Amino acid sequence: MAGSTAPQPTGTKVVADWTALMPGDFVTVLESYTVPHSGWIDDLTEDGNIIWLLRASGGGRRMFFRENGDTITVEAP
């Protein structure tokens, strides 16, 4: 069809530098590389070692530590 565009595929990318995150960013934290927690960044430390996530599932606010091996992913176009 003329004028229509196909949906662009999306995927996820790992956020290597947690200091690049900002409050309000929607992310998924993979706790111990297995358990996903999706939600919005509520706050983070200046050094990016700790984030607080407002979980989308209604699970409240939760703290995650980079040193625990948690991985953060974001949707990538």
PDB file of N, CA and C in Angstrom:
ATOM      1  N   MET A   1       0.838  -1.173   0.000  1.00  0.00           N
ATOM      2  CA  MET A   1       0.000   0.000   0.000  1.00  0.00           C
ATOM      3  C   MET A   1       0.885   1.238   0.000  1.00  0.00           C
ATOM      4  N   ALA A   2       0.501   2.201  -0.780  1.00  0.00           N
ATOM      5  CA  ALA A   2       1.249   3.443  -0.838  1.00  0.00           C
ATOM      6  C   ALA A   2       1.053   4.228   0.444  1.00  0.00           C
ATOM      7  N   GLY A   3       2.154   4.785   0.959  1.00  0.00           N
ATOM      8  CA  GLY A   3       2.075   5.632   2.134  1.00  0.00           C
ATOM      9  C   GLY A   3       2.102   4.884   3.451  1.00  0.00           C
ATOM     10  N   SER A   4       2.019   3.570   3.445  1.00  0.00           N
ATOM     11  CA  SER A   4       2.066   2.850   4.716  1.00  0.00           C
ATOM     12  C   SER A   4       3.494   2.405   4.992  1.00  0.00           C
ATOM     13  N   THR A   5       3.808   2.288   6.245  1.00  0.00           N
ATOM     14  CA  THR A   5       5.132   1.820   6.632  1.00  0.00           C
ATOM     15  C   THR A   5       4.978   0.575   7.468  1.00  0.00           C
ATOM     16  N   ALA A   6       5.895  -0.329   7.266  1.00  0.00           N
ATOM     17  CA  ALA A   6       5.871  -1.563   8.038  1.00  0.00           C
ATOM     18  C   ALA A   6       6.354  -1.273   9.449  1.00  0.00           C
ATOM     19  N   PRO A   7       5.818  -1.972  10.439  1.00  0.00           N
ATOM     20  CA  PRO A   7       6.305  -1.779  11.804  1.00  0.00           C
ATOM     21  C   PRO A   7       7.785  -2.135  11.867  1.00  0.00           C
ATOM     22  N   GLN A   8       8.512  -1.340  12.612  1.00  0.00           N
ATOM     23  CA  GLN A   8       9.929  -1.599  12.782  1.00  0.00           C
ATOM     24  C   GLN A   8      10.118  -2.638  13.875  1.00  0.00           C
ATOM     25  N   PRO A   9      11.014  -3.595  13.638  1.00  0.00           N
ATOM     26  CA  PRO A   9      11.253  -4.587  14.681  1.00  0.00           C
ATOM     27  C   PRO A   9      11.914  -3.931  15.889  1.00  0.00           C
ATOM     28  N   THR A  10      11.544  -4.419  17.046  1.00  0.00           N
ATOM     29  CA  THR A  10      12.156  -3.896  18.265  1.00  0.00           C
ATOM     30  C   THR A  10      12.821  -5.039  18.993  1.00  0.00           C
ATOM     31  N   GLY A  11      13.721  -4.691  19.840  1.00  0.00           N
ATOM     32  CA  GLY A  11      14.410  -5.671  20.657  1.00  0.00           C
ATOM     33  C   GLY A  11      14.823  -4.996  21.941  1.00  0.00           C
ATOM     34  N   THR A  12      15.712  -5.621  22.636  1.00  0.00           N
ATOM     35  CA  THR A  12      16.197  -5.023  23.867  1.00  0.00           C
ATOM     36  C   THR A  12      17.707  -4.871  23.777  1.00  0.00           C
ATOM     37  N   LYS A  13      18.211  -3.901  24.514  1.00  0.00           N
ATOM     38  CA  LYS A  13      19.658  -3.753  24.615  1.00  0.00           C
ATOM     39  C   LYS A  13      20.024  -3.608  26.074  1.00  0.00           C
ATOM     40  N   VAL A  14      21.166  -4.139  26.429  1.00  0.00           N
ATOM     41  CA  VAL A  14      21.657  -4.073  27.797  1.00  0.00           C
ATOM     42  C   VAL A  14      22.244  -2.693  28.046  1.00  0.00           C
ATOM     43  N   VAL A  15      21.914  -2.119  29.196  1.00  0.00           N
ATOM     44  CA  VAL A  15      22.470  -0.838  29.604  1.00  0.00           C
ATOM     45  C   VAL A  15      23.732  -1.136  30.405  1.00  0.00           C
ATOM     46  N   ALA A  16      24.891  -0.896  29.788  1.00  0.00           N
ATOM     47  CA  ALA A  16      26.162  -1.188  30.454  1.00  0.00           C
ATOM     48  C   ALA A  16      26.501  -0.143  31.505  1.00  0.00           C
ATOM     49  N   ASP A  17      26.127   1.102  31.258  1.00  0.00           N
ATOM     50  CA  ASP A  17      26.450   2.211  32.161  1.00  0.00           C
ATOM     51  C   ASP A  17      25.173   2.688  32.836  1.00  0.00           C
ATOM     52  N   TRP A  18      24.957   2.273  34.079  1.00  0.00           N
ATOM     53  CA  TRP A  18      23.731   2.621  34.788  1.00  0.00           C
ATOM     54  C   TRP A  18      23.615   4.118  35.032  1.00  0.00           C
ATOM     55  N   THR A  19      24.723   4.860  34.987  1.00  0.00           N
ATOM     56  CA  THR A  19      24.642   6.305  35.177  1.00  0.00           C
ATOM     57  C   THR A  19      23.951   6.980  33.999  1.00  0.00           C
ATOM     58  N   ALA A  20      23.792   6.272  32.879  1.00  0.00           N
ATOM     59  CA  ALA A  20      23.092   6.815  31.710  1.00  0.00           C
ATOM     60  C   ALA A  20      21.581   6.796  31.899  1.00  0.00           C
ATOM     61  N   LEU A  21      21.102   6.096  32.915  1.00  0.00           N
ATOM     62  CA  LEU A  21      19.665   6.009  33.180  1.00  0.00           C
ATOM     63  C   LEU A  21      19.183   7.274  33.871  1.00  0.00           C
ATOM     64  N   MET A  22      17.900   7.562  33.680  1.00  0.00           N
ATOM     65  CA  MET A  22      17.295   8.737  34.304  1.00  0.00           C
ATOM     66  C   MET A  22      15.965   8.347  34.926  1.00  0.00           C
ATOM     67  N   PRO A  23      15.567   9.030  36.005  1.00  0.00           N
ATOM     68  CA  PRO A  23      14.246   8.771  36.564  1.00  0.00           C
ATOM     69  C   PRO A  23      13.178   8.908  35.474  1.00  0.00           C
ATOM     70  N   GLY A  24      12.248   7.959  35.461  1.00  0.00           N
ATOM     71  CA  GLY A  24      11.194   7.946  34.454  1.00  0.00           C
ATOM     72  C   GLY A  24      11.460   6.992  33.308  1.00  0.00           C
ATOM     73  N   ASP A  25      12.714   6.553  33.129  1.00  0.00           N
ATOM     74  CA  ASP A  25      13.024   5.587  32.070  1.00  0.00           C
ATOM     75  C   ASP A  25      12.318   4.268  32.367  1.00  0.00           C
ATOM     76  N   PHE A  26      11.723   3.652  31.342  1.00  0.00           N
ATOM     77  CA  PHE A  26      11.092   2.339  31.504  1.00  0.00           C
ATOM     78  C   PHE A  26      12.125   1.281  31.150  1.00  0.00           C
ATOM     79  N   VAL A  27      12.404   0.388  32.083  1.00  0.00           N
ATOM     80  CA  VAL A  27      13.446  -0.626  31.903  1.00  0.00           C
ATOM     81  C   VAL A  27      12.954  -1.972  32.414  1.00  0.00           C
ATOM     82  N   THR A  28      13.734  -2.999  32.112  1.00  0.00           N
ATOM     83  CA  THR A  28      13.537  -4.318  32.710  1.00  0.00           C
ATOM     84  C   THR A  28      14.841  -4.691  33.398  1.00  0.00           C
ATOM     85  N   VAL A  29      14.736  -5.052  34.663  1.00  0.00           N
ATOM     86  CA  VAL A  29      15.895  -5.517  35.415  1.00  0.00           C
ATOM     87  C   VAL A  29      15.820  -7.035  35.453  1.00  0.00           C
ATOM     88  N   LEU A  30      16.902  -7.672  35.016  1.00  0.00           N
ATOM     89  CA  LEU A  30      16.978  -9.129  35.084  1.00  0.00           C
ATOM     90  C   LEU A  30      17.778  -9.474  36.332  1.00  0.00           C
ATOM     91  N   GLU A  31      17.054  -9.857  37.364  1.00  0.00           N
ATOM     92  CA  GLU A  31      17.689 -10.189  38.634  1.00  0.00           C
ATOM     93  C   GLU A  31      18.365 -11.547  38.508  1.00  0.00           C
ATOM     94  N   SER A  32      19.643 -11.575  38.758  1.00  0.00           N
ATOM     95  CA  SER A  32      20.439 -12.807  38.621  1.00  0.00           C
ATOM     96  C   SER A  32      20.262 -13.421  37.234  1.00  0.00           C
ATOM     97  N   TYR A  33      20.058 -12.575  36.236  1.00  0.00           N
ATOM     98  CA  TYR A  33      19.915 -12.968  34.832  1.00  0.00           C
ATOM     99  C   TYR A  33      18.688 -13.827  34.551  1.00  0.00           C
ATOM    100  N   THR A  34      17.776 -13.973  35.500  1.00  0.00           N
ATOM    101  CA  THR A  34      16.632 -14.846  35.272  1.00  0.00           C
ATOM    102  C   THR A  34      15.282 -14.210  35.559  1.00  0.00           C
ATOM    103  N   VAL A  35      15.130 -13.535  36.679  1.00  0.00           N
ATOM    104  CA  VAL A  35      13.827 -13.021  37.084  1.00  0.00           C
ATOM    105  C   VAL A  35      13.651 -11.591  36.564  1.00  0.00           C
ATOM    106  N   PRO A  36      12.688 -11.348  35.634  1.00  0.00           N
ATOM    107  CA  PRO A  36      12.511  -9.991  35.108  1.00  0.00           C
ATOM    108  C   PRO A  36      11.589  -9.139  35.976  1.00  0.00           C
ATOM    109  N   HIS A  37      11.985  -7.886  36.142  1.00  0.00           N
ATOM    110  CA  HIS A  37      11.182  -6.890  36.854  1.00  0.00           C
ATOM    111  C   HIS A  37      11.124  -5.663  35.953  1.00  0.00           C
ATOM    112  N   SER A  38       9.953  -5.366  35.386  1.00  0.00           N
ATOM    113  CA  SER A  38       9.815  -4.199  34.514  1.00  0.00           C
ATOM    114  C   SER A  38       9.161  -3.063  35.265  1.00  0.00           C
ATOM    115  N   GLY A  39       9.590  -1.847  34.923  1.00  0.00           N
ATOM    116  CA  GLY A  39       9.010  -0.678  35.553  1.00  0.00           C
ATOM    117  C   GLY A  39       9.797   0.570  35.221  1.00  0.00           C
ATOM    118  N   TRP A  40       9.531   1.607  36.010  1.00  0.00           N
ATOM    119  CA  TRP A  40      10.125   2.914  35.759  1.00  0.00           C
ATOM    120  C   TRP A  40      11.183   3.205  36.801  1.00  0.00           C
ATOM    121  N   ILE A  41      12.308   3.746  36.358  1.00  0.00           N
ATOM    122  CA  ILE A  41      13.348   4.175  37.293  1.00  0.00           C
ATOM    123  C   ILE A  41      12.767   5.285  38.158  1.00  0.00           C
ATOM    124  N   ASP A  42      12.789   5.096  39.473  1.00  0.00           N
ATOM    125  CA  ASP A  42      12.312   6.115  40.404  1.00  0.00           C
ATOM    126  C   ASP A  42      13.472   7.009  40.817  1.00  0.00           C
ATOM    127  N   ASP A  43      14.623   6.396  41.065  1.00  0.00           N
ATOM    128  CA  ASP A  43      15.810   7.153  41.453  1.00  0.00           C
ATOM    129  C   ASP A  43      17.018   6.247  41.294  1.00  0.00           C
ATOM    130  N   LEU A  44      18.205   6.833  41.304  1.00  0.00           N
ATOM    131  CA  LEU A  44      19.439   6.073  41.250  1.00  0.00           C
ATOM    132  C   LEU A  44      20.542   6.873  41.917  1.00  0.00           C
ATOM    133  N   THR A  45      21.578   6.154  42.363  1.00  0.00           N
ATOM    134  CA  THR A  45      22.704   6.839  42.983  1.00  0.00           C
ATOM    135  C   THR A  45      23.536   7.506  41.899  1.00  0.00           C
ATOM    136  N   GLU A  46      24.283   8.527  42.300  1.00  0.00           N
ATOM    137  CA  GLU A  46      25.093   9.283  41.352  1.00  0.00           C
ATOM    138  C   GLU A  46      26.119   8.396  40.641  1.00  0.00           C
ATOM    139  N   ASP A  47      26.644   7.397  41.358  1.00  0.00           N
ATOM    140  CA  ASP A  47      27.638   6.511  40.752  1.00  0.00           C
ATOM    141  C   ASP A  47      27.000   5.378  39.947  1.00  0.00           C
ATOM    142  N   GLY A  48      25.659   5.295  39.941  1.00  0.00           N
ATOM    143  CA  GLY A  48      24.957   4.299  39.149  1.00  0.00           C
ATOM    144  C   GLY A  48      25.022   2.890  39.693  1.00  0.00           C
ATOM    145  N   ASN A  49      25.410   2.714  40.942  1.00  0.00           N
ATOM    146  CA  ASN A  49      25.497   1.368  41.500  1.00  0.00           C
ATOM    147  C   ASN A  49      24.188   0.846  42.070  1.00  0.00           C
ATOM    148  N   ILE A  50      23.239   1.739  42.352  1.00  0.00           N
ATOM    149  CA  ILE A  50      21.952   1.343  42.926  1.00  0.00           C
ATOM    150  C   ILE A  50      20.843   2.078  42.177  1.00  0.00           C
ATOM    151  N   ILE A  51      19.783   1.349  41.840  1.00  0.00           N
ATOM    152  CA  ILE A  51      18.585   1.984  41.279  1.00  0.00           C
ATOM    153  C   ILE A  51      17.381   1.583  42.113  1.00  0.00           C
ATOM    154  N   TRP A  52      16.376   2.438  42.089  1.00  0.00           N
ATOM    155  CA  TRP A  52      15.076   2.129  42.679  1.00  0.00           C
ATOM    156  C   TRP A  52      14.084   2.077  41.536  1.00  0.00           C
ATOM    157  N   LEU A  53      13.346   0.981  41.468  1.00  0.00           N
ATOM    158  CA  LEU A  53      12.414   0.727  40.376  1.00  0.00           C
ATOM    159  C   LEU A  53      10.990   0.703  40.904  1.00  0.00           C
ATOM    160  N   LEU A  54      10.097   1.456  40.246  1.00  0.00           N
ATOM    161  CA  LEU A  54       8.660   1.351  40.520  1.00  0.00           C
ATOM    162  C   LEU A  54       8.128   0.294  39.569  1.00  0.00           C
ATOM    163  N   ARG A  55       7.835  -0.878  40.092  1.00  0.00           N
ATOM    164  CA  ARG A  55       7.481  -2.008  39.241  1.00  0.00           C
ATOM    165  C   ARG A  55       6.110  -1.846  38.594  1.00  0.00           C
ATOM    166  N   ALA A  56       6.064  -2.152  37.310  1.00  0.00           N
ATOM    167  CA  ALA A  56       4.839  -2.013  36.524  1.00  0.00           C
ATOM    168  C   ALA A  56       3.769  -2.996  36.971  1.00  0.00           C
ATOM    169  N   SER A  57       4.166  -4.090  37.566  1.00  0.00           N
ATOM    170  CA  SER A  57       3.206  -5.120  37.978  1.00  0.00           C
ATOM    171  C   SER A  57       2.474  -4.760  39.260  1.00  0.00           C
ATOM    172  N   GLY A  58       2.719  -3.555  39.764  1.00  0.00           N
ATOM    173  CA  GLY A  58       2.074  -3.151  41.005  1.00  0.00           C
ATOM    174  C   GLY A  58       2.793  -3.665  42.234  1.00  0.00           C
ATOM    175  N   GLY A  59       4.002  -4.131  42.056  1.00  0.00           N
ATOM    176  CA  GLY A  59       4.769  -4.698  43.155  1.00  0.00           C
ATOM    177  C   GLY A  59       5.488  -3.682  44.008  1.00  0.00           C
ATOM    178  N   GLY A  60       5.193  -2.396  43.812  1.00  0.00           N
ATOM    179  CA  GLY A  60       5.805  -1.366  44.631  1.00  0.00           C
ATOM    180  C   GLY A  60       7.197  -0.979  44.162  1.00  0.00           C
ATOM    181  N   ARG A  61       7.928  -0.360  45.061  1.00  0.00           N
ATOM    182  CA  ARG A  61       9.264   0.159  44.776  1.00  0.00           C
ATOM    183  C   ARG A  61      10.297  -0.849  45.263  1.00  0.00           C
ATOM    184  N   ARG A  62      11.325  -1.072  44.442  1.00  0.00           N
ATOM    185  CA  ARG A  62      12.336  -2.057  44.803  1.00  0.00           C
ATOM    186  C   ARG A  62      13.722  -1.546  44.449  1.00  0.00           C
ATOM    187  N   MET A  63      14.691  -1.867  45.274  1.00  0.00           N
ATOM    188  CA  MET A  63      16.071  -1.465  45.069  1.00  0.00           C
ATOM    189  C   MET A  63      16.843  -2.608  44.401  1.00  0.00           C
ATOM    190  N   PHE A  64      17.701  -2.248  43.441  1.00  0.00           N
ATOM    191  CA  PHE A  64      18.559  -3.218  42.775  1.00  0.00           C
ATOM    192  C   PHE A  64      19.997  -2.731  42.830  1.00  0.00           C
ATOM    193  N   PHE A  65      20.921  -3.665  43.037  1.00  0.00           N
ATOM    194  CA  PHE A  65      22.332  -3.351  43.175  1.00  0.00           C
ATOM    195  C   PHE A  65      23.113  -3.903  41.992  1.00  0.00           C
ATOM    196  N   ARG A  66      23.897  -3.062  41.367  1.00  0.00           N
ATOM    197  CA  ARG A  66      24.713  -3.489  40.234  1.00  0.00           C
ATOM    198  C   ARG A  66      25.670  -4.609  40.645  1.00  0.00           C
ATOM    199  N   GLU A  67      26.230  -4.519  41.847  1.00  0.00           N
ATOM    200  CA  GLU A  67      27.215  -5.513  42.300  1.00  0.00           C
ATOM    201  C   GLU A  67      26.617  -6.908  42.457  1.00  0.00           C
ATOM    202  N   ASN A  68      25.280  -7.008  42.499  1.00  0.00           N
ATOM    203  CA  ASN A  68      24.633  -8.320  42.604  1.00  0.00           C
ATOM    204  C   ASN A  68      24.588  -9.043  41.257  1.00  0.00           C
ATOM    205  N   GLY A  69      25.035  -8.354  40.204  1.00  0.00           N
ATOM    206  CA  GLY A  69      25.007  -8.965  38.881  1.00  0.00           C
ATOM    207  C   GLY A  69      23.705  -8.745  38.150  1.00  0.00           C
ATOM    208  N   ASP A  70      22.847  -7.868  38.672  1.00  0.00           N
ATOM    209  CA  ASP A  70      21.588  -7.571  37.980  1.00  0.00           C
ATOM    210  C   ASP A  70      21.892  -6.867  36.657  1.00  0.00           C
ATOM    211  N   THR A  71      21.103  -7.178  35.630  1.00  0.00           N
ATOM    212  CA  THR A  71      21.267  -6.602  34.308  1.00  0.00           C
ATOM    213  C   THR A  71      20.050  -5.764  33.984  1.00  0.00           C
ATOM    214  N   ILE A  72      20.266  -4.579  33.411  1.00  0.00           N
ATOM    215  CA  ILE A  72      19.167  -3.704  33.013  1.00  0.00           C
ATOM    216  C   ILE A  72      19.094  -3.659  31.497  1.00  0.00           C
ATOM    217  N   THR A  73      17.887  -3.852  30.975  1.00  0.00           N
ATOM    218  CA  THR A  73      17.684  -3.748  29.530  1.00  0.00           C
ATOM    219  C   THR A  73      16.631  -2.675  29.235  1.00  0.00           C
ATOM    220  N   VAL A  74      16.727  -2.106  28.042  1.00  0.00           N
ATOM    221  CA  VAL A  74      15.741  -1.139  27.556  1.00  0.00           C
ATOM    222  C   VAL A  74      15.310  -1.572  26.169  1.00  0.00           C
ATOM    223  N   GLU A  75      14.130  -1.114  25.782  1.00  0.00           N
ATOM    224  CA  GLU A  75      13.641  -1.390  24.433  1.00  0.00           C
ATOM    225  C   GLU A  75      14.496  -0.616  23.439  1.00  0.00           C
ATOM    226  N   ALA A  76      14.922  -1.274  22.402  1.00  0.00           N
ATOM    227  CA  ALA A  76      15.726  -0.629  21.362  1.00  0.00           C
ATOM    228  C   ALA A  76      14.952  -0.679  20.048  1.00  0.00           C
ATOM    229  N   PRO A  77      14.879   0.459  19.331  1.00  0.00           N
ATOM    230  CA  PRO A  77      14.147   0.465  18.054  1.00  0.00           C
ATOM    231  C   PRO A  77      14.855  -0.359  16.999  1.00  0.00           C
TER     232      PRO A  77
END
